[in-house]
Amino acid sequence: MELVELNPLSGALVGLPGVNGLSTEQRKRLTIAVELVANPSIVFMDEPTSGLDARSAAIVMRTVRNIVNTGRTIVCTIHQPSIDIFESFDELLFMKRGGQLIYAGPLGSKSRYLVEFF
């Protein structure tokens, strides 16, 4: 619960989406926490920020960073990230339609390696 920053909500009911209980962003973090119970060394996330506003997306990505900081690997798909979310990634696998690889490697500070590549 601490890793996904849900300690204050440990006694809360999940509830119904949009009606009561946890917010969409809190539900996403709870889903991540449930996956971590199995103590995986690698976690796959498909669009963890979809359907979230900028603030909520930043909170979810902070949770993702917390998990990475424990030594786990996270593979994440994401479309149209904000610059802040984009720069929260360590490495990038950039593909175009059809699966053709465009770039694979580290981003670097302020995406320096990616900018140098192009």
C-alpha atoms as a PDB file:
ATOM      1  CA  MET A   1       0.000   0.000   0.000  1.00  0.00           C
ATOM      2  CA  GLU A   2       2.861   2.354   0.779  1.00  0.00           C
ATOM      3  CA  LEU A   3       4.595   1.745  -2.558  1.00  0.00           C
ATOM      4  CA  VAL A   4       1.465   2.762  -4.492  1.00  0.00           C
ATOM      5  CA  GLU A   5       0.701   5.586  -2.044  1.00  0.00           C
ATOM      6  CA  LEU A   6      -2.648   4.187  -0.893  1.00  0.00           C
ATOM      7  CA  ASN A   7      -1.977   3.923   2.866  1.00  0.00           C
ATOM      8  CA  PRO A   8      -4.485   6.674   3.726  1.00  0.00           C
ATOM      9  CA  LEU A   9      -7.182   4.666   1.913  1.00  0.00           C
ATOM     10  CA  SER A  10      -6.413   1.254   3.411  1.00  0.00           C
ATOM     11  CA  GLY A  11      -9.881   0.996   4.973  1.00  0.00           C
ATOM     12  CA  ALA A  12     -11.825   2.477   2.052  1.00  0.00           C
ATOM     13  CA  LEU A  13     -14.359   0.606  -0.043  1.00  0.00           C
ATOM     14  CA  VAL A  14     -13.594   0.377  -3.735  1.00  0.00           C
ATOM     15  CA  GLY A  15     -17.198   1.331  -4.605  1.00  0.00           C
ATOM     16  CA  LEU A  16     -18.665   1.962  -8.026  1.00  0.00           C
ATOM     17  CA  PRO A  17     -16.839   3.957 -10.716  1.00  0.00           C
ATOM     18  CA  GLY A  18     -18.089   7.533 -10.831  1.00  0.00           C
ATOM     19  CA  VAL A  19     -20.548   6.963  -7.982  1.00  0.00           C
ATOM     20  CA  ASN A  20     -18.646   6.445  -4.746  1.00  0.00           C
ATOM     21  CA  GLY A  21     -15.480   4.934  -3.373  1.00  0.00           C
ATOM     22  CA  LEU A  22     -12.093   5.218  -5.033  1.00  0.00           C
ATOM     23  CA  SER A  23     -11.415   7.603  -7.907  1.00  0.00           C
ATOM     24  CA  THR A  24     -10.327   6.285 -11.307  1.00  0.00           C
ATOM     25  CA  GLU A  25      -6.704   7.159 -10.542  1.00  0.00           C
ATOM     26  CA  GLN A  26      -6.868   5.432  -7.143  1.00  0.00           C
ATOM     27  CA  ARG A  27      -8.396   2.356  -8.800  1.00  0.00           C
ATOM     28  CA  LYS A  28      -5.508   2.226 -11.260  1.00  0.00           C
ATOM     29  CA  ARG A  29      -3.015   2.364  -8.399  1.00  0.00           C
ATOM     30  CA  LEU A  30      -4.970  -0.347  -6.567  1.00  0.00           C
ATOM     31  CA  THR A  31      -4.861  -2.548  -9.673  1.00  0.00           C
ATOM     32  CA  ILE A  32      -1.090  -2.060  -9.788  1.00  0.00           C
ATOM     33  CA  ALA A  33      -0.862  -2.976  -6.087  1.00  0.00           C
ATOM     34  CA  VAL A  34      -2.821  -6.192  -6.663  1.00  0.00           C
ATOM     35  CA  GLU A  35      -0.365  -7.170  -9.403  1.00  0.00           C
ATOM     36  CA  LEU A  36       2.582  -6.497  -7.086  1.00  0.00           C
ATOM     37  CA  VAL A  37       1.296  -9.003  -4.510  1.00  0.00           C
ATOM     38  CA  ALA A  38       2.825 -11.794  -6.628  1.00  0.00           C
ATOM     39  CA  ASN A  39       6.208  -9.985  -6.394  1.00  0.00           C
ATOM     40  CA  PRO A  40       6.948 -10.023 -10.129  1.00  0.00           C
ATOM     41  CA  SER A  41      10.371  -8.983 -11.394  1.00  0.00           C
ATOM     42  CA  ILE A  42       8.749  -7.470 -14.496  1.00  0.00           C
ATOM     43  CA  VAL A  43       5.381  -5.732 -14.806  1.00  0.00           C
ATOM     44  CA  PHE A  44       3.604  -5.068 -18.107  1.00  0.00           C
ATOM     45  CA  MET A  45       1.288  -2.031 -18.202  1.00  0.00           C
ATOM     46  CA  ASP A  46      -0.973  -1.171 -21.110  1.00  0.00           C
ATOM     47  CA  GLU A  47      -1.902   2.515 -21.135  1.00  0.00           C
ATOM     48  CA  PRO A  48      -1.729   3.094 -17.353  1.00  0.00           C
ATOM     49  CA  THR A  49      -2.643   6.778 -17.787  1.00  0.00           C
ATOM     50  CA  SER A  50      -5.567   6.400 -20.209  1.00  0.00           C
ATOM     51  CA  GLY A  51      -8.720   8.141 -19.081  1.00  0.00           C
ATOM     52  CA  LEU A  52      -6.890  10.283 -16.527  1.00  0.00           C
ATOM     53  CA  ASP A  53      -6.414  14.028 -16.308  1.00  0.00           C
ATOM     54  CA  ALA A  54      -2.859  15.412 -16.170  1.00  0.00           C
ATOM     55  CA  ARG A  55      -2.686  15.458 -12.361  1.00  0.00           C
ATOM     56  CA  SER A  56      -3.990  11.907 -11.971  1.00  0.00           C
ATOM     57  CA  ALA A  57      -1.692  10.643 -14.732  1.00  0.00           C
ATOM     58  CA  ALA A  58       1.281  12.210 -12.940  1.00  0.00           C
ATOM     59  CA  ILE A  59       0.300  10.457  -9.695  1.00  0.00           C
ATOM     60  CA  VAL A  60       0.039   7.087 -11.448  1.00  0.00           C
ATOM     61  CA  MET A  61       3.413   7.610 -13.126  1.00  0.00           C
ATOM     62  CA  ARG A  62       4.953   8.554  -9.770  1.00  0.00           C
ATOM     63  CA  THR A  63       3.682   5.191  -8.528  1.00  0.00           C
ATOM     64  CA  VAL A  64       5.289   3.513 -11.545  1.00  0.00           C
ATOM     65  CA  ARG A  65       8.591   5.249 -10.711  1.00  0.00           C
ATOM     66  CA  ASN A  66       8.308   4.061  -7.086  1.00  0.00           C
ATOM     67  CA  ILE A  67       8.020   0.495  -8.372  1.00  0.00           C
ATOM     68  CA  VAL A  68      11.006   0.887 -10.717  1.00  0.00           C
ATOM     69  CA  ASN A  69      13.029   2.214  -7.789  1.00  0.00           C
ATOM     70  CA  THR A  70      12.552  -1.170  -6.034  1.00  0.00           C
ATOM     71  CA  GLY A  71      14.467  -2.884  -8.838  1.00  0.00           C
ATOM     72  CA  ARG A  72      11.523  -4.129 -10.869  1.00  0.00           C
ATOM     73  CA  THR A  73      11.316  -3.676 -14.615  1.00  0.00           C
ATOM     74  CA  ILE A  74       8.207  -2.080 -16.074  1.00  0.00           C
ATOM     75  CA  VAL A  75       7.268  -2.329 -19.735  1.00  0.00           C
ATOM     76  CA  CYS A  76       4.627   0.245 -20.540  1.00  0.00           C
ATOM     77  CA  THR A  77       2.663   1.201 -23.650  1.00  0.00           C
ATOM     78  CA  ILE A  78       1.543   4.781 -23.820  1.00  0.00           C
ATOM     79  CA  HIS A  79       0.113   7.049 -26.508  1.00  0.00           C
ATOM     80  CA  GLN A  80       0.525  10.822 -26.592  1.00  0.00           C
ATOM     81  CA  PRO A  81       2.161  11.319 -23.189  1.00  0.00           C
ATOM     82  CA  SER A  82       2.734  14.794 -21.795  1.00  0.00           C
ATOM     83  CA  ILE A  83       6.380  15.879 -21.768  1.00  0.00           C
ATOM     84  CA  ASP A  84       6.555  15.276 -18.006  1.00  0.00           C
ATOM     85  CA  ILE A  85       5.282  11.724 -18.359  1.00  0.00           C
ATOM     86  CA  PHE A  86       7.469  11.092 -21.408  1.00  0.00           C
ATOM     87  CA  GLU A  87      10.583  12.152 -19.528  1.00  0.00           C
ATOM     88  CA  SER A  88       9.718   9.904 -16.587  1.00  0.00           C
ATOM     89  CA  PHE A  89      10.764   6.900 -18.697  1.00  0.00           C
ATOM     90  CA  ASP A  90      14.344   5.628 -18.653  1.00  0.00           C
ATOM     91  CA  GLU A  91      14.281   3.942 -22.057  1.00  0.00           C
ATOM     92  CA  LEU A  92      12.145   4.151 -25.167  1.00  0.00           C
ATOM     93  CA  LEU A  93      11.127   1.679 -27.834  1.00  0.00           C
ATOM     94  CA  PHE A  94       9.623   3.879 -30.553  1.00  0.00           C
ATOM     95  CA  MET A  95       7.769   2.149 -33.363  1.00  0.00           C
ATOM     96  CA  LYS A  96       5.752   3.331 -36.305  1.00  0.00           C
ATOM     97  CA  ARG A  97       2.596   1.812 -37.725  1.00  0.00           C
ATOM     98  CA  GLY A  98       3.245  -1.730 -38.843  1.00  0.00           C
ATOM     99  CA  GLY A  99       5.715  -2.375 -36.030  1.00  0.00           C
ATOM    100  CA  GLN A 100       8.812  -0.957 -37.714  1.00  0.00           C
ATOM    101  CA  LEU A 101      11.405   0.074 -35.139  1.00  0.00           C
ATOM    102  CA  ILE A 102      12.405   3.743 -35.217  1.00  0.00           C
ATOM    103  CA  TYR A 103      14.400   4.107 -31.987  1.00  0.00           C
ATOM    104  CA  ALA A 104      15.367   1.842 -29.101  1.00  0.00           C
ATOM    105  CA  GLY A 105      17.510   3.057 -26.256  1.00  0.00           C
ATOM    106  CA  PRO A 106      17.848   5.392 -23.308  1.00  0.00           C
ATOM    107  CA  LEU A 107      16.201   8.804 -23.252  1.00  0.00           C
ATOM    108  CA  GLY A 108      18.782  10.614 -21.146  1.00  0.00           C
ATOM    109  CA  SER A 109      18.249  13.831 -19.237  1.00  0.00           C
ATOM    110  CA  LYS A 110      15.673  15.995 -21.019  1.00  0.00           C
ATOM    111  CA  SER A 111      15.516  13.297 -23.732  1.00  0.00           C
ATOM    112  CA  ARG A 112      19.048  14.218 -24.820  1.00  0.00           C
ATOM    113  CA  TYR A 113      19.879  10.846 -26.412  1.00  0.00           C
ATOM    114  CA  LEU A 114      16.648  10.783 -28.365  1.00  0.00           C
ATOM    115  CA  VAL A 115      17.169  14.343 -29.642  1.00  0.00           C
ATOM    116  CA  GLU A 116      20.754  13.517 -30.668  1.00  0.00           C
ATOM    117  CA  PHE A 117      19.521  10.433 -32.537  1.00  0.00           C
ATOM    118  CA  PHE A 118      17.168  12.460 -34.706  1.00  0.00           C
END
